[in-house]
Amino acid sequence: MPDTHTDVLVAGAGPAGLTLACELGLAGVRTTVLERDPAPPGFCRGFNLNARSLDLLEHRGLADRFLAEGPTLPATAFVGTAALDLAAMRTRHPYVLGIAQTRVEELLAERAEELGVRILRGHRLTGFREDGEGITADVTAPDGPLRLRCDWLAGCDGGRSTVRKAAGIAFPGTPARRFTLLGDVVPADPAALPFGPTAGPGGSVFAIPRPGYVRLVTAEPDPPEDRDEPVTPDRFQEVLDRALGRRVEIAEVRWLTRFGDAARLAERLRAGRVLLVGDAAHIHPPAGAVGVNAAIDDAMNLGWKLALVARGLAPERLLESYHRERHAAGARLLRDTRAQALLAAEGERLAPVRDLLGELATAEGTAGHVAETITGVNTRYPAHDEHGHPWEGRMIPGDGLLPAPARTGGGALLLDEAAAPAAVREAAASWNGRVTVTAVPSGRLPGTYAVLVRPDGHVGWVARPGAGAGAEAAGGAVRSALEWWFGPPAPLPVAG
């Protein structure tokens, strides 16, 4: 039987739960992951990591593990026949990586276990009770019922999240109105459907070659009344033939599923000691294949904050920034995926809009902006004491500013030029262990003399130009920013 107490209990061993577990394990937080399935599935919907995820993983020295797994492409499908020009983005990884979600989860699980995280498979969280000192979780385990005690509970358990429902968090949005069938199959004639979209009199079919099989995606115009009804091989064959107006014989079926275009965003991402991450916090149409990437994004935003709070180094108010930042990002995600799904479904009525967006997605002046918006590369979070510097709230530019050992350790960095007032370095010394002061050559920080880089790579504060002339003002400014993001210089007492 596992230990009955852990600092953080994570429900769900998908990309969200495993990324969060890695972040917490890196910070030395006792973390246990519960996964209801006894073994990883042999199928998955997601097959890519985008630039945003790779940029985040690079901040932990992990990007190369993933890049070694598959090919990279400088473009990806957008609307109609248009493609996003990913090479136009401002990122260290201007491409999409082809990698199965199952392999992403395997790599994250390996890293989590390296960091001492416990992953309990075949364990399903069925409910919990929160009191003033923590949470008691009810778990169904292979050997019988189990109760676990934790200080914090992270719901990373998908769109039908048990954690979200038990916490009483509303999940407003729009129900699915259109449905799509996805089949991993082996056609009798491998040349019957070339890569990409094939239009027919009843619709279109998108074919994606995979090692040993083909993934086919096509709209289901008349889904059954029970949307959870399993998709049978006969049903898939019928819809496929109707769309193409001809017979394409399926010799072997590996996996069939149905998904809809529902779009929902949790009312809150935090309720007391409960936090929601990934699909438990938001579901959206599959346009752009950003589900895995949004989950990693949520977890990287939350991980360092929850670690500081769990260790008693920062006040709980820091967790409210997770809600503010990622709830707003979730709203943008729903907007962007709903727009793409609508354009794909409305046929000729919106053809002029598709054509226009297709031009914007490839034109020199706008391609970068469109691609960065769809992939989340242009994500910006509010910085402390903003004054208009272009780096504020954004991912730090990848031009060698960040030394690898300091970056991959999971802490924050205070970059300061040699000309910066000594009071900046002296003030930051009080946060030693949470913030590493790193000197950079003069001129490497345009428009400022000091930059605070959060553990997730985003710039949390930039010294105001002209405000550093006086040592007292410079020291006071950096102390204010450090306390805002990382709590007071002296550790807070740990509850209990």
Protein backbone atom coordinates (compact mmCIF):
# COMPACT_ATOMS: atom_id res chain seq x y z
CA MET A 1 0.00 0.00 0.00
CA PRO A 2 1.36 3.48 -0.86
CA ASP A 3 2.00 6.13 1.78
CA THR A 4 -1.31 7.66 2.76
CA HIS A 5 -0.07 11.29 2.73
CA THR A 6 1.42 13.36 -0.06
CA ASP A 7 1.92 17.08 -0.56
CA VAL A 8 0.15 17.14 -3.92
CA LEU A 9 -2.19 14.51 -5.32
CA VAL A 10 -2.57 14.62 -9.11
CA ALA A 11 -5.59 12.88 -10.65
CA GLY A 12 -4.73 11.80 -14.19
CA ALA A 13 -1.50 10.68 -15.89
CA GLY A 14 -2.04 12.44 -19.21
CA PRO A 15 0.17 15.27 -20.50
CA ALA A 16 -1.29 17.74 -17.97
CA GLY A 17 -0.85 15.55 -14.91
CA LEU A 18 2.59 14.27 -15.84
CA THR A 19 3.96 17.71 -16.76
CA LEU A 20 2.67 19.10 -13.46
CA ALA A 21 4.20 16.14 -11.60
CA CYS A 22 7.57 16.83 -13.25
CA GLU A 23 7.46 20.47 -12.18
CA LEU A 24 6.57 19.56 -8.61
CA GLY A 25 9.12 16.75 -8.42
CA LEU A 26 11.83 19.09 -9.68
CA ALA A 27 11.07 21.41 -6.74
CA GLY A 28 11.22 18.58 -4.22
CA VAL A 29 7.46 18.49 -3.54
CA ARG A 30 6.12 15.05 -2.60
CA THR A 31 3.79 14.20 -5.45
CA THR A 32 1.57 11.22 -6.22
CA VAL A 33 -0.18 10.70 -9.56
CA LEU A 34 -3.31 8.58 -9.77
CA GLU A 35 -4.21 7.03 -13.12
CA ARG A 36 -7.41 5.01 -13.49
CA ASP A 37 -6.13 2.85 -16.38
CA PRO A 38 -3.81 0.03 -15.34
CA ALA A 39 -1.59 0.53 -18.40
CA PRO A 40 -1.08 3.25 -21.02
CA PRO A 41 -3.53 2.96 -23.95
CA GLY A 42 -2.40 1.71 -27.32
CA PHE A 43 -4.10 4.56 -29.18
CA CYS A 44 -4.31 8.34 -28.99
CA ARG A 45 -5.86 11.35 -30.68
CA GLY A 46 -2.94 13.77 -30.49
CA PHE A 47 0.07 13.49 -32.79
CA ASN A 48 2.03 16.69 -32.40
CA LEU A 49 3.83 19.12 -30.15
CA ASN A 50 3.89 22.72 -31.29
CA ALA A 51 6.47 25.45 -30.85
CA ARG A 52 4.94 26.72 -27.63
CA SER A 53 5.28 23.33 -25.92
CA LEU A 54 8.82 22.86 -27.20
CA ASP A 55 9.85 26.30 -25.96
CA LEU A 56 8.49 25.46 -22.51
CA LEU A 57 10.14 22.04 -22.44
CA GLU A 58 13.43 23.60 -23.45
CA HIS A 59 13.35 25.58 -20.21
CA ARG A 60 13.68 22.25 -18.43
CA GLY A 61 16.32 20.82 -20.74
CA LEU A 62 13.77 18.33 -22.09
CA ALA A 63 13.09 19.51 -25.64
CA ASP A 64 15.81 17.35 -27.18
CA ARG A 65 14.26 14.18 -25.72
CA PHE A 66 11.09 14.91 -27.64
CA LEU A 67 12.73 16.22 -30.81
CA ALA A 68 14.60 12.92 -31.15
CA GLU A 69 11.26 11.10 -31.51
CA GLY A 70 9.86 12.37 -34.78
CA PRO A 71 9.99 14.66 -37.80
CA THR A 72 9.48 18.42 -37.73
CA LEU A 73 7.46 20.34 -40.30
CA PRO A 74 7.57 24.12 -40.93
CA ALA A 75 3.83 24.29 -41.71
CA THR A 76 0.57 22.79 -40.50
CA ALA A 77 -3.06 22.67 -41.62
CA PHE A 78 -5.17 25.77 -40.95
CA VAL A 79 -8.49 26.42 -42.74
CA GLY A 80 -9.54 24.99 -46.06
CA THR A 81 -6.43 24.21 -48.06
CA ALA A 82 -4.38 26.94 -46.36
CA ALA A 83 -1.41 26.13 -44.15
CA LEU A 84 0.12 28.06 -41.28
CA ASP A 85 3.64 29.27 -42.07
CA LEU A 86 5.30 28.26 -38.81
CA ALA A 87 8.71 29.39 -40.01
CA ALA A 88 7.49 32.98 -39.69
CA MET A 89 7.06 32.72 -35.90
CA ARG A 90 9.37 34.31 -33.33
CA THR A 91 10.35 31.16 -31.49
CA ARG A 92 13.27 28.83 -30.94
CA HIS A 93 11.23 26.05 -32.55
CA PRO A 94 9.46 27.36 -35.69
CA TYR A 95 7.85 24.06 -36.61
CA VAL A 96 5.53 21.31 -35.40
CA LEU A 97 6.93 18.03 -34.08
CA GLY A 98 5.22 14.82 -35.16
CA ILE A 99 4.98 12.68 -32.02
CA ALA A 100 2.17 10.53 -30.65
CA GLN A 101 0.53 11.61 -27.41
CA THR A 102 1.25 8.17 -26.00
CA ARG A 103 4.98 8.73 -26.54
CA VAL A 104 4.75 12.21 -25.00
CA GLU A 105 3.23 10.61 -21.93
CA GLU A 106 5.92 7.91 -21.79
CA LEU A 107 8.71 10.50 -21.87
CA LEU A 108 7.02 12.65 -19.23
CA ALA A 109 6.42 9.62 -17.00
CA GLU A 110 10.09 8.65 -17.29
CA ARG A 111 11.12 12.15 -16.23
CA ALA A 112 8.62 12.25 -13.37
CA GLU A 113 9.92 8.96 -11.98
CA GLU A 114 13.50 10.25 -12.29
CA LEU A 115 12.40 13.08 -9.99
CA GLY A 116 10.88 10.77 -7.39
CA VAL A 117 7.20 11.12 -8.34
CA ARG A 118 4.95 8.14 -7.53
CA ILE A 119 2.66 7.08 -10.38
CA LEU A 120 -0.08 4.70 -9.25
CA ARG A 121 -1.79 3.08 -12.23
CA GLY A 122 -5.10 1.31 -11.86
CA HIS A 123 -6.06 3.84 -9.15
CA ARG A 124 -9.23 5.88 -9.70
CA LEU A 125 -10.15 8.91 -7.59
CA THR A 126 -13.86 8.66 -6.80
CA GLY A 127 -14.37 11.63 -4.46
CA PHE A 128 -12.78 13.82 -1.82
CA ARG A 129 -13.47 15.98 1.23
CA GLU A 130 -11.67 19.22 1.99
CA ASP A 131 -11.18 20.56 5.51
CA GLY A 132 -9.16 23.39 6.99
CA GLU A 133 -5.87 21.50 6.85
CA GLY A 134 -6.05 19.49 3.65
CA ILE A 135 -7.97 16.98 1.54
CA THR A 136 -8.95 13.36 2.07
CA ALA A 137 -9.32 11.55 -1.26
CA ASP A 138 -11.27 8.34 -1.82
CA VAL A 139 -9.52 6.02 -4.26
CA THR A 140 -10.48 2.73 -5.86
CA ALA A 141 -7.30 0.66 -6.07
CA PRO A 142 -6.52 -2.86 -7.36
CA ASP A 143 -6.35 -4.14 -3.78
CA GLY A 144 -9.53 -2.40 -2.64
CA PRO A 145 -10.67 1.05 -1.43
CA LEU A 146 -7.96 3.45 -0.30
CA ARG A 147 -7.91 6.86 1.36
CA LEU A 148 -5.12 9.30 0.68
CA ARG A 149 -4.41 12.54 2.47
CA CYS A 150 -2.96 15.51 0.59
CA ASP A 151 -2.44 19.24 1.01
CA TRP A 152 -3.42 20.03 -2.59
CA LEU A 153 -5.40 18.22 -5.27
CA ALA A 154 -4.86 18.81 -8.99
CA GLY A 155 -7.62 17.67 -11.34
CA CYS A 156 -5.92 16.59 -14.56
CA ASP A 157 -8.58 13.98 -15.26
CA GLY A 158 -10.05 15.11 -18.56
CA GLY A 159 -13.19 16.76 -19.86
CA ARG A 160 -15.47 14.66 -17.63
CA SER A 161 -13.32 15.45 -14.60
CA THR A 162 -14.38 13.81 -11.35
CA VAL A 163 -12.37 16.44 -9.50
CA ARG A 164 -14.14 19.36 -11.18
CA LYS A 165 -17.58 17.88 -10.55
CA ALA A 166 -16.85 17.00 -6.92
CA ALA A 167 -15.47 20.50 -6.32
CA GLY A 168 -18.73 22.00 -7.62
CA ILE A 169 -17.00 24.06 -10.29
CA ALA A 170 -19.33 25.05 -13.14
CA PHE A 171 -18.33 24.17 -16.72
CA PRO A 172 -20.21 26.64 -18.93
CA GLY A 173 -20.00 26.68 -22.70
CA THR A 174 -21.63 25.21 -25.77
CA PRO A 175 -22.50 21.53 -26.30
CA ALA A 176 -21.30 19.58 -29.32
CA ARG A 177 -23.36 20.23 -32.43
CA ARG A 178 -21.15 18.60 -35.04
CA PHE A 179 -19.40 15.27 -34.76
CA THR A 180 -16.41 13.68 -36.44
CA LEU A 181 -15.28 10.10 -36.74
CA LEU A 182 -11.63 9.15 -36.34
CA GLY A 183 -10.35 5.75 -37.39
CA ASP A 184 -6.91 4.18 -37.22
CA VAL A 185 -7.29 1.60 -39.98
CA VAL A 186 -5.48 -0.44 -42.60
CA PRO A 187 -7.07 0.05 -46.06
CA ALA A 188 -7.14 -2.93 -48.37
CA ASP A 189 -5.56 -0.67 -51.01
CA PRO A 190 -2.95 1.65 -49.39
CA ALA A 191 -3.10 3.96 -52.42
CA ALA A 192 -6.87 4.44 -52.18
CA LEU A 193 -6.52 7.63 -50.14
CA PRO A 194 -3.46 9.88 -50.56
CA PHE A 195 -2.16 12.03 -47.72
CA GLY A 196 -4.32 15.03 -46.93
CA PRO A 197 -7.94 15.85 -47.79
CA THR A 198 -9.91 13.95 -50.41
CA ALA A 199 -13.21 15.54 -51.41
CA GLY A 200 -16.23 13.48 -52.39
CA PRO A 201 -19.90 14.10 -53.16
CA GLY A 202 -20.87 13.50 -49.52
CA GLY A 203 -18.04 15.31 -47.78
CA SER A 204 -14.30 14.94 -47.37
CA VAL A 205 -11.88 12.54 -45.71
CA PHE A 206 -8.51 13.54 -44.30
CA ALA A 207 -5.87 10.79 -44.46
CA ILE A 208 -2.73 10.81 -42.30
CA PRO A 209 -0.26 7.97 -42.95
CA ARG A 210 1.15 6.35 -39.80
CA PRO A 211 3.62 3.47 -39.46
CA GLY A 212 1.63 0.39 -40.38
CA TYR A 213 -1.77 2.08 -40.69
CA VAL A 214 -3.63 5.20 -41.79
CA ARG A 215 -5.57 7.67 -39.66
CA LEU A 216 -8.82 8.72 -41.37
CA VAL A 217 -10.92 11.66 -40.19
CA THR A 218 -14.36 12.47 -41.61
CA ALA A 219 -17.51 14.25 -40.50
CA GLU A 220 -20.44 12.22 -39.15
CA PRO A 221 -23.53 14.01 -40.50
CA ASP A 222 -26.08 11.90 -38.62
CA PRO A 223 -24.62 10.76 -35.26
CA PRO A 224 -26.66 8.41 -33.05
CA GLU A 225 -28.85 9.84 -30.32
CA ASP A 226 -26.45 8.40 -27.75
CA ARG A 227 -23.22 10.17 -28.60
CA ASP A 228 -21.28 7.74 -26.38
CA GLU A 229 -22.41 4.78 -28.47
CA PRO A 230 -19.30 2.95 -29.70
CA VAL A 231 -18.33 3.43 -33.33
CA THR A 232 -18.52 0.05 -35.06
CA PRO A 233 -16.46 -0.93 -38.11
CA ASP A 234 -19.65 -1.16 -40.16
CA ARG A 235 -20.70 2.34 -39.11
CA PHE A 236 -17.27 3.79 -39.96
CA GLN A 237 -17.27 2.05 -43.36
CA GLU A 238 -20.75 3.40 -44.11
CA VAL A 239 -19.83 7.03 -43.29
CA LEU A 240 -16.54 6.76 -45.18
CA ASP A 241 -18.17 5.41 -48.33
CA ARG A 242 -20.95 8.00 -48.19
CA ALA A 243 -18.46 10.87 -47.94
CA LEU A 244 -16.33 9.64 -50.84
CA GLY A 245 -19.16 8.37 -53.02
CA ARG A 246 -17.19 5.17 -53.60
CA ARG A 247 -16.05 2.10 -51.70
CA VAL A 248 -12.70 2.17 -49.93
CA GLU A 249 -12.37 -1.25 -48.32
CA ILE A 250 -11.05 -1.32 -44.75
CA ALA A 251 -9.05 -4.51 -44.16
CA GLU A 252 -8.28 -3.94 -40.47
CA VAL A 253 -9.58 -1.63 -37.77
CA ARG A 254 -7.24 -0.66 -34.93
CA TRP A 255 -9.22 2.05 -33.17
CA LEU A 256 -12.42 3.99 -33.82
CA THR A 257 -13.79 6.96 -31.92
CA ARG A 258 -16.14 9.92 -32.19
CA PHE A 259 -15.55 13.48 -31.05
CA GLY A 260 -17.60 16.66 -31.12
CA ASP A 261 -17.07 20.40 -31.24
CA ALA A 262 -18.15 21.19 -27.68
CA ALA A 263 -16.44 24.23 -26.18
CA ARG A 264 -16.42 24.73 -22.41
CA LEU A 265 -14.27 26.61 -19.91
CA ALA A 266 -14.39 26.01 -16.17
CA GLU A 267 -15.76 28.95 -14.23
CA ARG A 268 -12.77 28.78 -11.89
CA LEU A 269 -9.43 27.01 -12.17
CA ARG A 270 -9.00 27.06 -8.41
CA ALA A 271 -11.44 26.32 -5.59
CA GLY A 272 -9.76 26.23 -2.20
CA ARG A 273 -7.14 23.48 -2.30
CA VAL A 274 -8.34 22.15 -5.67
CA LEU A 275 -6.90 23.18 -9.04
CA LEU A 276 -7.92 22.23 -12.58
CA VAL A 277 -5.46 21.62 -15.40
CA GLY A 278 -5.78 20.66 -19.08
CA ASP A 279 -9.04 19.19 -20.37
CA ALA A 280 -10.49 19.26 -16.85
CA ALA A 281 -10.34 23.06 -17.17
CA HIS A 282 -11.32 23.45 -20.83
CA ILE A 283 -12.56 21.40 -23.78
CA HIS A 284 -12.65 22.71 -27.33
CA PRO A 285 -12.99 21.64 -30.95
CA PRO A 286 -9.94 19.69 -32.17
CA ALA A 287 -8.98 22.33 -34.75
CA GLY A 288 -5.25 22.91 -34.75
CA ALA A 289 -4.59 19.79 -32.62
CA VAL A 290 -3.66 21.95 -29.64
CA GLY A 291 -5.15 19.89 -26.80
CA VAL A 292 -1.91 18.29 -25.60
CA ASN A 293 -0.10 21.59 -25.98
CA ALA A 294 -2.65 23.54 -23.94
CA ALA A 295 -2.38 20.92 -21.19
CA ILE A 296 1.41 21.30 -21.01
CA ASP A 297 1.00 25.08 -21.00
CA ASP A 298 -1.40 24.97 -18.04
CA ALA A 299 0.86 22.64 -16.08
CA MET A 300 4.02 24.69 -16.64
CA ASN A 301 2.20 27.83 -15.49
CA LEU A 302 0.88 26.17 -12.33
CA GLY A 303 3.80 23.94 -11.40
CA TRP A 304 6.28 26.45 -10.03
CA LYS A 305 3.57 28.43 -8.27
CA LEU A 306 2.08 25.40 -6.55
CA ALA A 307 5.57 24.21 -5.59
CA LEU A 308 6.35 27.49 -3.83
CA VAL A 309 3.03 27.48 -2.00
CA ALA A 310 3.27 23.80 -1.06
CA ARG A 311 6.77 24.37 0.37
CA GLY A 312 5.56 27.33 2.41
CA LEU A 313 7.72 29.81 0.49
CA ALA A 314 4.94 31.90 -1.05
CA PRO A 315 1.42 32.89 0.01
CA GLU A 316 -1.65 31.24 -1.52
CA ARG A 317 -2.49 34.41 -3.43
CA LEU A 318 0.15 33.33 -5.95
CA LEU A 319 -2.22 30.57 -7.09
CA GLU A 320 -4.79 33.18 -8.08
CA SER A 321 -2.40 34.27 -10.82
CA TYR A 322 -2.71 30.76 -12.27
CA HIS A 323 -6.46 31.26 -12.59
CA ARG A 324 -6.13 34.76 -14.05
CA GLU A 325 -3.49 33.86 -16.60
CA ARG A 326 -4.67 30.47 -17.78
CA HIS A 327 -8.40 31.21 -17.65
CA ALA A 328 -7.79 34.09 -20.05
CA ALA A 329 -5.61 31.81 -22.20
CA GLY A 330 -8.39 29.21 -22.15
CA ALA A 331 -10.89 31.78 -23.40
CA ARG A 332 -8.57 32.61 -26.32
CA LEU A 333 -8.12 28.92 -27.04
CA LEU A 334 -11.88 28.41 -27.28
CA ARG A 335 -12.24 31.45 -29.52
CA ASP A 336 -9.54 30.30 -31.92
CA THR A 337 -10.59 26.65 -32.16
CA ARG A 338 -14.28 27.49 -32.48
CA ALA A 339 -13.50 29.92 -35.30
CA GLN A 340 -11.53 27.26 -37.20
CA ALA A 341 -14.21 24.62 -36.64
CA LEU A 342 -16.92 26.97 -37.85
CA LEU A 343 -14.98 27.83 -40.98
CA ALA A 344 -14.43 24.16 -41.74
CA ALA A 345 -18.09 23.23 -41.26
CA GLU A 346 -19.95 25.99 -43.05
CA GLY A 347 -19.14 24.94 -46.60
CA GLU A 348 -19.43 27.50 -49.38
CA ARG A 349 -21.13 30.12 -47.22
CA LEU A 350 -17.87 31.02 -45.52
CA ALA A 351 -15.55 30.21 -48.42
CA PRO A 352 -14.62 33.92 -48.89
CA VAL A 353 -13.61 34.12 -45.22
CA ARG A 354 -11.47 30.99 -45.55
CA ASP A 355 -9.79 32.44 -48.61
CA LEU A 356 -9.05 35.70 -46.81
CA LEU A 357 -7.62 33.97 -43.74
CA GLY A 358 -5.61 31.69 -45.99
CA GLU A 359 -3.97 34.76 -47.53
CA LEU A 360 -3.26 36.28 -44.12
CA ALA A 361 -1.75 33.00 -42.93
CA THR A 362 0.83 33.04 -45.72
CA ALA A 363 1.43 36.74 -46.42
CA GLU A 364 4.81 38.09 -45.28
CA GLY A 365 3.39 40.80 -43.03
CA THR A 366 0.76 38.70 -41.25
CA ALA A 367 1.82 35.04 -41.41
CA GLY A 368 3.85 35.26 -38.22
CA HIS A 369 1.06 36.87 -36.22
CA VAL A 370 -1.56 34.34 -37.35
CA ALA A 371 0.72 31.37 -36.63
CA GLU A 372 1.77 32.71 -33.22
CA THR A 373 -1.87 33.29 -32.28
CA ILE A 374 -3.07 29.83 -33.28
CA THR A 375 -0.15 28.03 -31.64
CA GLY A 376 -0.05 30.21 -28.51
CA VAL A 377 3.52 31.38 -29.15
CA ASN A 378 2.42 35.00 -28.60
CA THR A 379 1.00 34.18 -25.14
CA ARG A 380 1.51 37.09 -22.79
CA TYR A 381 0.86 37.26 -19.05
CA PRO A 382 0.62 40.51 -17.04
CA ALA A 383 4.00 41.48 -15.62
CA HIS A 384 4.59 43.29 -12.34
CA ASP A 385 4.74 47.11 -12.57
CA GLU A 386 4.46 47.31 -16.36
CA HIS A 387 5.76 50.25 -18.33
CA GLY A 388 5.58 49.12 -21.95
CA HIS A 389 8.78 47.14 -22.49
CA PRO A 390 8.22 44.67 -25.38
CA TRP A 391 9.45 41.72 -23.30
CA GLU A 392 7.01 42.19 -20.45
CA GLY A 393 4.89 39.09 -19.89
CA ARG A 394 6.29 37.25 -22.90
CA MET A 395 8.65 34.31 -23.22
CA ILE A 396 12.25 35.53 -22.90
CA PRO A 397 13.90 35.71 -26.36
CA GLY A 398 15.98 32.65 -27.12
CA ASP A 399 19.25 34.30 -27.98
CA GLY A 400 21.59 32.75 -25.45
CA LEU A 401 20.58 34.96 -22.51
CA LEU A 402 19.67 32.04 -20.27
CA PRO A 403 22.48 29.80 -19.01
CA ALA A 404 21.41 26.15 -19.25
CA PRO A 405 22.21 25.02 -15.66
CA ALA A 406 20.24 27.87 -14.09
CA ARG A 407 17.39 27.57 -16.58
CA THR A 408 16.80 23.84 -16.20
CA GLY A 409 16.86 23.90 -12.39
CA GLY A 410 13.28 25.14 -12.23
CA GLY A 411 13.96 28.43 -10.44
CA ALA A 412 13.66 32.04 -11.51
CA LEU A 413 16.44 34.13 -13.01
CA LEU A 414 17.27 37.79 -12.46
CA LEU A 415 19.30 38.94 -15.44
CA ASP A 416 21.25 42.13 -14.81
CA GLU A 417 23.84 44.02 -16.77
CA ALA A 418 27.16 45.05 -15.30
CA ALA A 419 26.02 48.67 -15.27
CA ALA A 420 22.99 47.88 -13.11
CA PRO A 421 23.01 49.37 -9.60
CA ALA A 422 24.57 47.00 -7.07
CA ALA A 423 21.40 47.40 -4.99
CA VAL A 424 19.61 45.14 -7.49
CA ARG A 425 21.93 42.21 -6.77
CA GLU A 426 21.99 42.93 -3.05
CA ALA A 427 18.18 42.92 -2.83
CA ALA A 428 17.87 39.71 -4.81
CA ALA A 429 20.24 37.91 -2.44
CA SER A 430 17.39 37.69 0.07
CA TRP A 431 15.57 35.33 -2.33
CA ASN A 432 18.55 33.02 -2.81
CA GLY A 433 17.30 29.52 -3.58
CA ARG A 434 14.26 30.81 -5.40
CA VAL A 435 15.98 33.32 -7.69
CA THR A 436 19.41 33.07 -9.31
CA VAL A 437 21.15 36.33 -10.20
CA THR A 438 22.85 36.05 -13.58
CA ALA A 439 25.12 38.73 -15.03
CA VAL A 440 24.84 39.49 -18.73
CA PRO A 441 27.05 41.72 -20.89
CA SER A 442 26.09 45.35 -21.31
CA GLY A 443 23.68 45.92 -24.17
CA ARG A 444 22.08 42.47 -24.00
CA LEU A 445 18.96 43.82 -22.27
CA PRO A 446 17.76 46.58 -24.62
CA GLY A 447 15.76 49.34 -22.96
CA THR A 448 16.50 48.20 -19.42
CA TYR A 449 19.21 47.02 -17.05
CA ALA A 450 17.48 44.11 -15.27
CA VAL A 451 14.91 41.44 -16.23
CA LEU A 452 13.18 38.92 -13.96
CA VAL A 453 12.47 35.62 -15.75
CA ARG A 454 9.85 33.40 -14.13
CA PRO A 455 10.48 29.63 -13.91
CA ASP A 456 8.18 29.10 -16.91
CA GLY A 457 10.36 31.35 -19.06
CA HIS A 458 8.04 34.37 -19.06
CA VAL A 459 9.33 37.81 -18.15
CA GLY A 460 7.68 38.78 -14.85
CA TRP A 461 9.32 42.20 -14.41
CA VAL A 462 11.57 44.63 -16.26
CA ALA A 463 13.40 47.47 -14.53
CA ARG A 464 11.90 50.79 -15.50
CA PRO A 465 14.28 52.87 -17.67
CA GLY A 466 15.58 55.84 -15.73
CA ALA A 467 14.28 54.48 -12.45
CA GLY A 468 17.57 52.85 -11.52
CA ALA A 469 19.59 56.00 -11.08
CA GLY A 470 19.20 55.82 -7.32
CA ALA A 471 20.28 52.73 -5.44
CA GLU A 472 17.32 52.91 -3.09
CA ALA A 473 14.81 53.11 -5.95
CA ALA A 474 16.50 50.24 -7.81
CA GLY A 475 16.58 48.00 -4.76
CA GLY A 476 13.00 48.82 -3.85
CA ALA A 477 11.74 48.05 -7.36
CA VAL A 478 13.33 44.62 -7.55
CA ARG A 479 12.24 43.74 -3.98
CA SER A 480 8.65 44.61 -4.88
CA ALA A 481 8.75 42.37 -7.98
CA LEU A 482 10.41 39.47 -6.18
CA GLU A 483 7.94 39.53 -3.32
CA TRP A 484 5.02 39.74 -5.77
CA TRP A 485 6.08 36.58 -7.59
CA PHE A 486 7.99 34.59 -4.99
CA GLY A 487 6.70 35.61 -1.59
CA PRO A 488 8.58 37.39 1.21
CA PRO A 489 12.35 37.02 1.51
CA ALA A 490 12.01 35.01 4.73
CA PRO A 491 10.23 31.64 4.37
CA LEU A 492 6.66 31.57 5.58
CA PRO A 493 5.84 29.05 8.32
CA VAL A 494 4.56 25.79 6.88
CA ALA A 495 0.98 25.10 7.96
CA GLY A 496 0.78 22.16 10.37
